[in-house]
mmCIF file of all heavy atoms, coordinates in Angstrom:
data_MODEL
# 
_entry.id   MODEL 
# 
loop_
_atom_site.group_PDB 
_atom_site.id 
_atom_site.type_symbol 
_atom_site.label_atom_id 
_atom_site.label_alt_id 
_atom_site.label_comp_id 
_atom_site.label_asym_id 
_atom_site.label_entity_id 
_atom_site.label_seq_id 
_atom_site.pdbx_PDB_ins_code 
_atom_site.Cartn_x 
_atom_site.Cartn_y 
_atom_site.Cartn_z 
_atom_site.occupancy 
_atom_site.B_iso_or_equiv 
_atom_site.pdbx_formal_charge 
_atom_site.auth_seq_id 
_atom_site.auth_comp_id 
_atom_site.auth_asym_id 
_atom_site.auth_atom_id 
_atom_site.pdbx_PDB_model_num 
ATOM 1   N N   . TYR A 1 1  ? 0.829   -1.209  0.000  1.00 0.00 ? 1  TYR A N   1 
ATOM 2   C CA  . TYR A 1 1  ? 0.000   0.000   0.000  1.00 0.00 ? 1  TYR A CA  1 
ATOM 3   C C   . TYR A 1 1  ? 0.865   1.262   0.000  1.00 0.00 ? 1  TYR A C   1 
ATOM 4   O O   . TYR A 1 1  ? 0.381   2.347   0.283  1.00 0.00 ? 1  TYR A O   1 
ATOM 5   C CB  . TYR A 1 1  ? -0.928  -0.022  1.208  1.00 0.00 ? 1  TYR A CB  1 
ATOM 6   C CG  . TYR A 1 1  ? -1.803  -1.248  1.227  1.00 0.00 ? 1  TYR A CG  1 
ATOM 7   C CD1 . TYR A 1 1  ? -1.443  -2.387  1.949  1.00 0.00 ? 1  TYR A CD1 1 
ATOM 8   C CD2 . TYR A 1 1  ? -2.969  -1.295  0.468  1.00 0.00 ? 1  TYR A CD2 1 
ATOM 9   C CE1 . TYR A 1 1  ? -2.231  -3.524  1.937  1.00 0.00 ? 1  TYR A CE1 1 
ATOM 10  C CE2 . TYR A 1 1  ? -3.767  -2.426  0.454  1.00 0.00 ? 1  TYR A CE2 1 
ATOM 11  C CZ  . TYR A 1 1  ? -3.394  -3.542  1.180  1.00 0.00 ? 1  TYR A CZ  1 
ATOM 12  O OH  . TYR A 1 1  ? -4.177  -4.672  1.160  1.00 0.00 ? 1  TYR A OH  1 
ATOM 13  N N   . SER A 1 2  ? 2.122   1.096   -0.321 1.00 0.00 ? 2  SER A N   1 
ATOM 14  C CA  . SER A 1 2  ? 3.033   2.232   -0.371 1.00 0.00 ? 2  SER A CA  1 
ATOM 15  C C   . SER A 1 2  ? 3.387   2.542   -1.817 1.00 0.00 ? 2  SER A C   1 
ATOM 16  O O   . SER A 1 2  ? 3.594   1.637   -2.627 1.00 0.00 ? 2  SER A O   1 
ATOM 17  C CB  . SER A 1 2  ? 4.313   1.924   0.409  1.00 0.00 ? 2  SER A CB  1 
ATOM 18  O OG  . SER A 1 2  ? 5.270   2.950   0.219  1.00 0.00 ? 2  SER A OG  1 
ATOM 19  N N   . SER A 1 3  ? 3.449   3.828   -2.135 1.00 0.00 ? 3  SER A N   1 
ATOM 20  C CA  . SER A 1 3  ? 3.888   4.245   -3.464 1.00 0.00 ? 3  SER A CA  1 
ATOM 21  C C   . SER A 1 3  ? 5.399   4.394   -3.521 1.00 0.00 ? 3  SER A C   1 
ATOM 22  O O   . SER A 1 3  ? 5.969   4.690   -4.564 1.00 0.00 ? 3  SER A O   1 
ATOM 23  C CB  . SER A 1 3  ? 3.240   5.590   -3.838 1.00 0.00 ? 3  SER A CB  1 
ATOM 24  O OG  . SER A 1 3  ? 3.601   6.589   -2.891 1.00 0.00 ? 3  SER A OG  1 
ATOM 25  N N   . HIS A 1 4  ? 6.038   4.194   -2.388 1.00 0.00 ? 4  HIS A N   1 
ATOM 26  C CA  . HIS A 1 4  ? 7.487   4.298   -2.308 1.00 0.00 ? 4  HIS A CA  1 
ATOM 27  C C   . HIS A 1 4  ? 8.122   3.145   -3.073 1.00 0.00 ? 4  HIS A C   1 
ATOM 28  O O   . HIS A 1 4  ? 7.687   1.999   -2.961 1.00 0.00 ? 4  HIS A O   1 
ATOM 29  C CB  . HIS A 1 4  ? 7.915   4.252   -0.835 1.00 0.00 ? 4  HIS A CB  1 
ATOM 30  C CG  . HIS A 1 4  ? 9.244   4.899   -0.591 1.00 0.00 ? 4  HIS A CG  1 
ATOM 31  N ND1 . HIS A 1 4  ? 10.427  4.301   -0.915 1.00 0.00 ? 4  HIS A ND1 1 
ATOM 32  C CD2 . HIS A 1 4  ? 9.550   6.088   -0.028 1.00 0.00 ? 4  HIS A CD2 1 
ATOM 33  C CE1 . HIS A 1 4  ? 11.422  5.095   -0.568 1.00 0.00 ? 4  HIS A CE1 1 
ATOM 34  N NE2 . HIS A 1 4  ? 10.913  6.185   -0.031 1.00 0.00 ? 4  HIS A NE2 1 
ATOM 35  N N   . VAL A 1 5  ? 9.156   3.437   -3.858 1.00 0.00 ? 5  VAL A N   1 
ATOM 36  C CA  . VAL A 1 5  ? 9.753   2.408   -4.695 1.00 0.00 ? 5  VAL A CA  1 
ATOM 37  C C   . VAL A 1 5  ? 10.423  1.319   -3.866 1.00 0.00 ? 5  VAL A C   1 
ATOM 38  O O   . VAL A 1 5  ? 10.521  0.171   -4.299 1.00 0.00 ? 5  VAL A O   1 
ATOM 39  C CB  . VAL A 1 5  ? 10.763  3.038   -5.678 1.00 0.00 ? 5  VAL A CB  1 
ATOM 40  C CG1 . VAL A 1 5  ? 11.312  2.001   -6.626 1.00 0.00 ? 5  VAL A CG1 1 
ATOM 41  C CG2 . VAL A 1 5  ? 10.093  4.168   -6.433 1.00 0.00 ? 5  VAL A CG2 1 
ATOM 42  N N   . LEU A 1 6  ? 10.898  1.642   -2.668 1.00 0.00 ? 6  LEU A N   1 
ATOM 43  C CA  . LEU A 1 6  ? 11.518  0.642   -1.798 1.00 0.00 ? 6  LEU A CA  1 
ATOM 44  C C   . LEU A 1 6  ? 10.527  -0.473  -1.477 1.00 0.00 ? 6  LEU A C   1 
ATOM 45  O O   . LEU A 1 6  ? 10.927  -1.605  -1.178 1.00 0.00 ? 6  LEU A O   1 
ATOM 46  C CB  . LEU A 1 6  ? 11.993  1.310   -0.510 1.00 0.00 ? 6  LEU A CB  1 
ATOM 47  C CG  . LEU A 1 6  ? 12.696  0.403   0.503  1.00 0.00 ? 6  LEU A CG  1 
ATOM 48  C CD1 . LEU A 1 6  ? 13.918  -0.238  -0.109 1.00 0.00 ? 6  LEU A CD1 1 
ATOM 49  C CD2 . LEU A 1 6  ? 13.051  1.190   1.742  1.00 0.00 ? 6  LEU A CD2 1 
ATOM 50  N N   . ALA A 1 7  ? 9.244   -0.180  -1.550 1.00 0.00 ? 7  ALA A N   1 
ATOM 51  C CA  . ALA A 1 7  ? 8.224   -1.182  -1.242 1.00 0.00 ? 7  ALA A CA  1 
ATOM 52  C C   . ALA A 1 7  ? 8.365   -2.402  -2.134 1.00 0.00 ? 7  ALA A C   1 
ATOM 53  O O   . ALA A 1 7  ? 8.128   -3.534  -1.698 1.00 0.00 ? 7  ALA A O   1 
ATOM 54  C CB  . ALA A 1 7  ? 6.836   -0.561  -1.407 1.00 0.00 ? 7  ALA A CB  1 
ATOM 55  N N   . ALA A 1 8  ? 8.760   -2.197  -3.369 1.00 0.00 ? 8  ALA A N   1 
ATOM 56  C CA  . ALA A 1 8  ? 8.887   -3.334  -4.291 1.00 0.00 ? 8  ALA A CA  1 
ATOM 57  C C   . ALA A 1 8  ? 9.938   -4.317  -3.803 1.00 0.00 ? 8  ALA A C   1 
ATOM 58  O O   . ALA A 1 8  ? 9.749   -5.539  -3.895 1.00 0.00 ? 8  ALA A O   1 
ATOM 59  C CB  . ALA A 1 8  ? 9.238   -2.824  -5.689 1.00 0.00 ? 8  ALA A CB  1 
ATOM 60  N N   . ALA A 1 9  ? 11.054  -3.820  -3.276 1.00 0.00 ? 9  ALA A N   1 
ATOM 61  C CA  . ALA A 1 9  ? 12.112  -4.712  -2.790 1.00 0.00 ? 9  ALA A CA  1 
ATOM 62  C C   . ALA A 1 9  ? 11.623  -5.548  -1.615 1.00 0.00 ? 9  ALA A C   1 
ATOM 63  O O   . ALA A 1 9  ? 11.929  -6.743  -1.517 1.00 0.00 ? 9  ALA A O   1 
ATOM 64  C CB  . ALA A 1 9  ? 13.338  -3.897  -2.392 1.00 0.00 ? 9  ALA A CB  1 
ATOM 65  N N   . LEU A 1 10 ? 10.853  -4.952  -0.710 1.00 0.00 ? 10 LEU A N   1 
ATOM 66  C CA  . LEU A 1 10 ? 10.342  -5.681  0.450  1.00 0.00 ? 10 LEU A CA  1 
ATOM 67  C C   . LEU A 1 10 ? 9.289   -6.708  0.038  1.00 0.00 ? 10 LEU A C   1 
ATOM 68  O O   . LEU A 1 10 ? 9.258   -7.834  0.550  1.00 0.00 ? 10 LEU A O   1 
ATOM 69  C CB  . LEU A 1 10 ? 9.771   -4.697  1.461  1.00 0.00 ? 10 LEU A CB  1 
ATOM 70  C CG  . LEU A 1 10 ? 10.811  -3.744  2.074  1.00 0.00 ? 10 LEU A CG  1 
ATOM 71  C CD1 . LEU A 1 10 ? 10.138  -2.594  2.795  1.00 0.00 ? 10 LEU A CD1 1 
ATOM 72  C CD2 . LEU A 1 10 ? 11.735  -4.501  3.021  1.00 0.00 ? 10 LEU A CD2 1 
ATOM 73  N N   . GLN A 1 11 ? 8.422   -6.328  -0.888 1.00 0.00 ? 11 GLN A N   1 
ATOM 74  C CA  . GLN A 1 11 ? 7.438   -7.287  -1.385 1.00 0.00 ? 11 GLN A CA  1 
ATOM 75  C C   . GLN A 1 11 ? 8.119   -8.460  -2.082 1.00 0.00 ? 11 GLN A C   1 
ATOM 76  O O   . GLN A 1 11 ? 7.784   -9.630  -1.855 1.00 0.00 ? 11 GLN A O   1 
ATOM 77  C CB  . GLN A 1 11 ? 6.495   -6.599  -2.367 1.00 0.00 ? 11 GLN A CB  1 
ATOM 78  C CG  . GLN A 1 11 ? 5.574   -5.572  -1.753 1.00 0.00 ? 11 GLN A CG  1 
ATOM 79  C CD  . GLN A 1 11 ? 4.725   -4.903  -2.826 1.00 0.00 ? 11 GLN A CD  1 
ATOM 80  O OE1 . GLN A 1 11 ? 3.941   -5.556  -3.492 1.00 0.00 ? 11 GLN A OE1 1 
ATOM 81  N NE2 . GLN A 1 11 ? 4.890   -3.608  -2.994 1.00 0.00 ? 11 GLN A NE2 1 
ATOM 82  N N   . GLN A 1 12 ? 9.081   -8.163  -2.932 1.00 0.00 ? 12 GLN A N   1 
ATOM 83  C CA  . GLN A 1 12 ? 9.757   -9.213  -3.682 1.00 0.00 ? 12 GLN A CA  1 
ATOM 84  C C   . GLN A 1 12 ? 10.507  -10.161 -2.756 1.00 0.00 ? 12 GLN A C   1 
ATOM 85  O O   . GLN A 1 12 ? 10.551  -11.377 -3.005 1.00 0.00 ? 12 GLN A O   1 
ATOM 86  C CB  . GLN A 1 12 ? 10.711  -8.591  -4.701 1.00 0.00 ? 12 GLN A CB  1 
ATOM 87  C CG  . GLN A 1 12 ? 9.997   -7.882  -5.836 1.00 0.00 ? 12 GLN A CG  1 
ATOM 88  C CD  . GLN A 1 12 ? 10.921  -7.007  -6.660 1.00 0.00 ? 12 GLN A CD  1 
ATOM 89  O OE1 . GLN A 1 12 ? 12.143  -7.014  -6.459 1.00 0.00 ? 12 GLN A OE1 1 
ATOM 90  N NE2 . GLN A 1 12 ? 10.354  -6.239  -7.572 1.00 0.00 ? 12 GLN A NE2 1 
ATOM 91  N N   . ALA A 1 13 ? 11.110  -9.608  -1.693 1.00 0.00 ? 13 ALA A N   1 
ATOM 92  C CA  . ALA A 1 13 ? 11.828  -10.464 -0.754 1.00 0.00 ? 13 ALA A CA  1 
ATOM 93  C C   . ALA A 1 13 ? 10.866  -11.454 -0.098 1.00 0.00 ? 13 ALA A C   1 
ATOM 94  O O   . ALA A 1 13 ? 11.199  -12.639 0.080  1.00 0.00 ? 13 ALA A O   1 
ATOM 95  C CB  . ALA A 1 13 ? 12.519  -9.606  0.306  1.00 0.00 ? 13 ALA A CB  1 
ATOM 96  N N   . ALA A 1 14 ? 9.664   -10.976 0.271  1.00 0.00 ? 14 ALA A N   1 
ATOM 97  C CA  . ALA A 1 14 ? 8.679   -11.874 0.871  1.00 0.00 ? 14 ALA A CA  1 
ATOM 98  C C   . ALA A 1 14 ? 8.196   -12.915 -0.131 1.00 0.00 ? 14 ALA A C   1 
ATOM 99  O O   . ALA A 1 14 ? 8.056   -14.107 0.189  1.00 0.00 ? 14 ALA A O   1 
ATOM 100 C CB  . ALA A 1 14 ? 7.508   -11.062 1.415  1.00 0.00 ? 14 ALA A CB  1 
ATOM 101 N N   . GLU A 1 15 ? 7.948   -12.491 -1.360 1.00 0.00 ? 15 GLU A N   1 
ATOM 102 C CA  . GLU A 1 15 ? 7.451   -13.416 -2.375 1.00 0.00 ? 15 GLU A CA  1 
ATOM 103 C C   . GLU A 1 15 ? 8.493   -14.461 -2.737 1.00 0.00 ? 15 GLU A C   1 
ATOM 104 O O   . GLU A 1 15 ? 8.153   -15.619 -3.019 1.00 0.00 ? 15 GLU A O   1 
ATOM 105 C CB  . GLU A 1 15 ? 7.019   -12.623 -3.603 1.00 0.00 ? 15 GLU A CB  1 
ATOM 106 C CG  . GLU A 1 15 ? 5.767   -11.781 -3.357 1.00 0.00 ? 15 GLU A CG  1 
ATOM 107 C CD  . GLU A 1 15 ? 5.488   -10.805 -4.478 1.00 0.00 ? 15 GLU A CD  1 
ATOM 108 O OE1 . GLU A 1 15 ? 6.355   -10.672 -5.374 1.00 0.00 ? 15 GLU A OE1 1 
ATOM 109 O OE2 . GLU A 1 15 ? 4.422   -10.163 -4.459 1.00 0.00 ? 15 GLU A OE2 1 
ATOM 110 N N   . ARG A 1 16 ? 9.784   -14.076 -2.752 1.00 0.00 ? 16 ARG A N   1 
ATOM 111 C CA  . ARG A 1 16 ? 10.825  -15.050 -3.063 1.00 0.00 ? 16 ARG A CA  1 
ATOM 112 C C   . ARG A 1 16 ? 10.887  -16.164 -2.009 1.00 0.00 ? 16 ARG A C   1 
ATOM 113 O O   . ARG A 1 16 ? 11.329  -17.278 -2.304 1.00 0.00 ? 16 ARG A O   1 
ATOM 114 C CB  . ARG A 1 16 ? 12.178  -14.346 -3.177 1.00 0.00 ? 16 ARG A CB  1 
ATOM 115 C CG  . ARG A 1 16 ? 12.411  -13.669 -4.521 1.00 0.00 ? 16 ARG A CG  1 
ATOM 116 C CD  . ARG A 1 16 ? 13.862  -13.315 -4.718 1.00 0.00 ? 16 ARG A CD  1 
ATOM 117 N NE  . ARG A 1 16 ? 14.316  -12.308 -3.768 1.00 0.00 ? 16 ARG A NE  1 
ATOM 118 C CZ  . ARG A 1 16 ? 14.323  -10.999 -4.001 1.00 0.00 ? 16 ARG A CZ  1 
ATOM 119 N NH1 . ARG A 1 16 ? 13.884  -10.542 -5.158 1.00 0.00 ? 16 ARG A NH1 1 
ATOM 120 N NH2 . ARG A 1 16 ? 14.740  -10.161 -3.093 1.00 0.00 ? 16 ARG A NH2 1 
ATOM 121 N N   . ARG A 1 17 ? 10.472  -15.854 -0.781 1.00 0.00 ? 17 ARG A N   1 
ATOM 122 C CA  . ARG A 1 17 ? 10.450  -16.875 0.272  1.00 0.00 ? 17 ARG A CA  1 
ATOM 123 C C   . ARG A 1 17 ? 9.122   -17.648 0.279  1.00 0.00 ? 17 ARG A C   1 
ATOM 124 O O   . ARG A 1 17 ? 8.886   -18.484 1.153  1.00 0.00 ? 17 ARG A O   1 
ATOM 125 C CB  . ARG A 1 17 ? 10.657  -16.233 1.643  1.00 0.00 ? 17 ARG A CB  1 
ATOM 126 C CG  . ARG A 1 17 ? 12.031  -15.610 1.814  1.00 0.00 ? 17 ARG A CG  1 
ATOM 127 C CD  . ARG A 1 17 ? 12.307  -15.304 3.273  1.00 0.00 ? 17 ARG A CD  1 
ATOM 128 N NE  . ARG A 1 17 ? 13.557  -14.572 3.446  1.00 0.00 ? 17 ARG A NE  1 
ATOM 129 C CZ  . ARG A 1 17 ? 14.113  -14.313 4.636  1.00 0.00 ? 17 ARG A CZ  1 
ATOM 130 N NH1 . ARG A 1 17 ? 13.505  -14.720 5.748  1.00 0.00 ? 17 ARG A NH1 1 
ATOM 131 N NH2 . ARG A 1 17 ? 15.249  -13.645 4.719  1.00 0.00 ? 17 ARG A NH2 1 
ATOM 132 N N   . GLY A 1 18 ? 8.248   -17.340 -0.672 1.00 0.00 ? 18 GLY A N   1 
ATOM 133 C CA  . GLY A 1 18 ? 6.984   -18.053 -0.757 1.00 0.00 ? 18 GLY A CA  1 
ATOM 134 C C   . GLY A 1 18 ? 5.987   -17.662 0.314  1.00 0.00 ? 18 GLY A C   1 
ATOM 135 O O   . GLY A 1 18 ? 5.100   -18.455 0.658  1.00 0.00 ? 18 GLY A O   1 
ATOM 136 N N   . LEU A 1 19 ? 6.089   -16.427 0.829  1.00 0.00 ? 19 LEU A N   1 
ATOM 137 C CA  . LEU A 1 19 ? 5.200   -15.978 1.900  1.00 0.00 ? 19 LEU A CA  1 
ATOM 138 C C   . LEU A 1 19 ? 3.941   -15.357 1.302  1.00 0.00 ? 19 LEU A C   1 
ATOM 139 O O   . LEU A 1 19 ? 4.024   -14.534 0.382  1.00 0.00 ? 19 LEU A O   1 
ATOM 140 C CB  . LEU A 1 19 ? 5.923   -14.964 2.793  1.00 0.00 ? 19 LEU A CB  1 
ATOM 141 C CG  . LEU A 1 19 ? 7.258   -15.453 3.395  1.00 0.00 ? 19 LEU A CG  1 
ATOM 142 C CD1 . LEU A 1 19 ? 7.921   -14.337 4.179  1.00 0.00 ? 19 LEU A CD1 1 
ATOM 143 C CD2 . LEU A 1 19 ? 7.029   -16.672 4.285  1.00 0.00 ? 19 LEU A CD2 1 
ATOM 144 N N   . ALA A 1 20 ? 2.793   -15.715 1.828  1.00 0.00 ? 20 ALA A N   1 
ATOM 145 C CA  . ALA A 1 20 ? 1.522   -15.182 1.336  1.00 0.00 ? 20 ALA A CA  1 
ATOM 146 C C   . ALA A 1 20 ? 1.263   -13.816 1.960  1.00 0.00 ? 20 ALA A C   1 
ATOM 147 O O   . ALA A 1 20 ? 1.180   -13.687 3.185  1.00 0.00 ? 20 ALA A O   1 
ATOM 148 C CB  . ALA A 1 20 ? 0.389   -16.141 1.668  1.00 0.00 ? 20 ALA A CB  1 
ATOM 149 N N   . LEU A 1 21 ? 1.128   -12.789 1.120  1.00 0.00 ? 21 LEU A N   1 
ATOM 150 C CA  . LEU A 1 21 ? 0.907   -11.437 1.610  1.00 0.00 ? 21 LEU A CA  1 
ATOM 151 C C   . LEU A 1 21 ? -0.568  -11.228 1.942  1.00 0.00 ? 21 LEU A C   1 
ATOM 152 O O   . LEU A 1 21 ? -1.461  -11.760 1.275  1.00 0.00 ? 21 LEU A O   1 
ATOM 153 C CB  . LEU A 1 21 ? 1.367   -10.419 0.567  1.00 0.00 ? 21 LEU A CB  1 
ATOM 154 C CG  . LEU A 1 21 ? 2.842   -10.528 0.150  1.00 0.00 ? 21 LEU A CG  1 
ATOM 155 C CD1 . LEU A 1 21 ? 3.185   -9.410  -0.825 1.00 0.00 ? 21 LEU A CD1 1 
ATOM 156 C CD2 . LEU A 1 21 ? 3.763   -10.475 1.360  1.00 0.00 ? 21 LEU A CD2 1 
ATOM 157 N N   . SER A 1 22 ? -0.819  -10.446 3.000  1.00 0.00 ? 22 SER A N   1 
ATOM 158 C CA  . SER A 1 22 ? -2.178  -10.193 3.469  1.00 0.00 ? 22 SER A CA  1 
ATOM 159 C C   . SER A 1 22 ? -2.700  -8.859  2.965  1.00 0.00 ? 22 SER A C   1 
ATOM 160 O O   . SER A 1 22 ? -1.925  -7.967  2.603  1.00 0.00 ? 22 SER A O   1 
ATOM 161 C CB  . SER A 1 22 ? -2.214  -10.208 5.001  1.00 0.00 ? 22 SER A CB  1 
ATOM 162 O OG  . SER A 1 22 ? -1.783  -11.457 5.506  1.00 0.00 ? 22 SER A OG  1 
ATOM 163 N N   . ASP A 1 23 ? -4.042  -8.716  2.982  1.00 0.00 ? 23 ASP A N   1 
ATOM 164 C CA  . ASP A 1 23 ? -4.688  -7.481  2.563  1.00 0.00 ? 23 ASP A CA  1 
ATOM 165 C C   . ASP A 1 23 ? -5.037  -6.632  3.774  1.00 0.00 ? 23 ASP A C   1 
ATOM 166 O O   . ASP A 1 23 ? -5.167  -7.126  4.900  1.00 0.00 ? 23 ASP A O   1 
ATOM 167 C CB  . ASP A 1 23 ? -5.952  -7.786  1.768  1.00 0.00 ? 23 ASP A CB  1 
ATOM 168 C CG  . ASP A 1 23 ? -5.648  -8.516  0.472  1.00 0.00 ? 23 ASP A CG  1 
ATOM 169 O OD1 . ASP A 1 23 ? -4.578  -8.249  -0.112 1.00 0.00 ? 23 ASP A OD1 1 
ATOM 170 O OD2 . ASP A 1 23 ? -6.473  -9.362  0.058  1.00 0.00 ? 23 ASP A OD2 1 
ATOM 171 N N   . SER A 1 24 ? -5.185  -5.343  3.517  1.00 0.00 ? 24 SER A N   1 
ATOM 172 C CA  . SER A 1 24 ? -5.592  -4.414  4.570  1.00 0.00 ? 24 SER A CA  1 
ATOM 173 C C   . SER A 1 24 ? -6.653  -3.480  4.012  1.00 0.00 ? 24 SER A C   1 
ATOM 174 O O   . SER A 1 24 ? -6.635  -3.140  2.828  1.00 0.00 ? 24 SER A O   1 
ATOM 175 C CB  . SER A 1 24 ? -4.389  -3.606  5.065  1.00 0.00 ? 24 SER A CB  1 
ATOM 176 O OG  . SER A 1 24 ? -4.800  -2.599  5.962  1.00 0.00 ? 24 SER A OG  1 
ATOM 177 N N   . THR A 1 25 ? -7.569  -3.069  4.897  1.00 0.00 ? 25 THR A N   1 
ATOM 178 C CA  . THR A 1 25 ? -8.626  -2.140  4.460  1.00 0.00 ? 25 THR A CA  1 
ATOM 179 C C   . THR A 1 25 ? -8.407  -0.732  4.986  1.00 0.00 ? 25 THR A C   1 
ATOM 180 O O   . THR A 1 25 ? -9.166  0.181   4.637  1.00 0.00 ? 25 THR A O   1 
ATOM 181 C CB  . THR A 1 25 ? -10.001 -2.637  4.941  1.00 0.00 ? 25 THR A CB  1 
ATOM 182 O OG1 . THR A 1 25 ? -9.984  -2.763  6.370  1.00 0.00 ? 25 THR A OG1 1 
ATOM 183 C CG2 . THR A 1 25 ? -10.326 -3.986  4.304  1.00 0.00 ? 25 THR A CG2 1 
ATOM 184 N N   . ASP A 1 26 ? -7.380  -0.523  5.818  1.00 0.00 ? 26 ASP A N   1 
ATOM 185 C CA  . ASP A 1 26 ? -7.173  0.809   6.394  1.00 0.00 ? 26 ASP A CA  1 
ATOM 186 C C   . ASP A 1 26 ? -5.720  1.280   6.256  1.00 0.00 ? 26 ASP A C   1 
ATOM 187 O O   . ASP A 1 26 ? -5.247  2.084   7.046  1.00 0.00 ? 26 ASP A O   1 
ATOM 188 C CB  . ASP A 1 26 ? -7.581  0.809   7.868  1.00 0.00 ? 26 ASP A CB  1 
ATOM 189 C CG  . ASP A 1 26 ? -6.710  -0.121  8.708  1.00 0.00 ? 26 ASP A CG  1 
ATOM 190 O OD1 . ASP A 1 26 ? -5.927  -0.895  8.118  1.00 0.00 ? 26 ASP A OD1 1 
ATOM 191 O OD2 . ASP A 1 26 ? -6.802  -0.055  9.948  1.00 0.00 ? 26 ASP A OD2 1 
ATOM 192 N N   . ALA A 1 27 ? -5.002  0.733   5.279  1.00 0.00 ? 27 ALA A N   1 
ATOM 193 C CA  . ALA A 1 27 ? -3.593  1.117   5.109  1.00 0.00 ? 27 ALA A CA  1 
ATOM 194 C C   . ALA A 1 27 ? -3.489  2.608   4.836  1.00 0.00 ? 27 ALA A C   1 
ATOM 195 O O   . ALA A 1 27 ? -4.282  3.182   4.088  1.00 0.00 ? 27 ALA A O   1 
ATOM 196 C CB  . ALA A 1 27 ? -2.971  0.320   3.974  1.00 0.00 ? 27 ALA A CB  1 
# 
């Protein structure tokens, strides 16, 4: 939920470990 480009690196790191990302309604 961040427009910051660093967010992509953190998301990709989680996805590379096969971690399921959660949704939020108030980010």
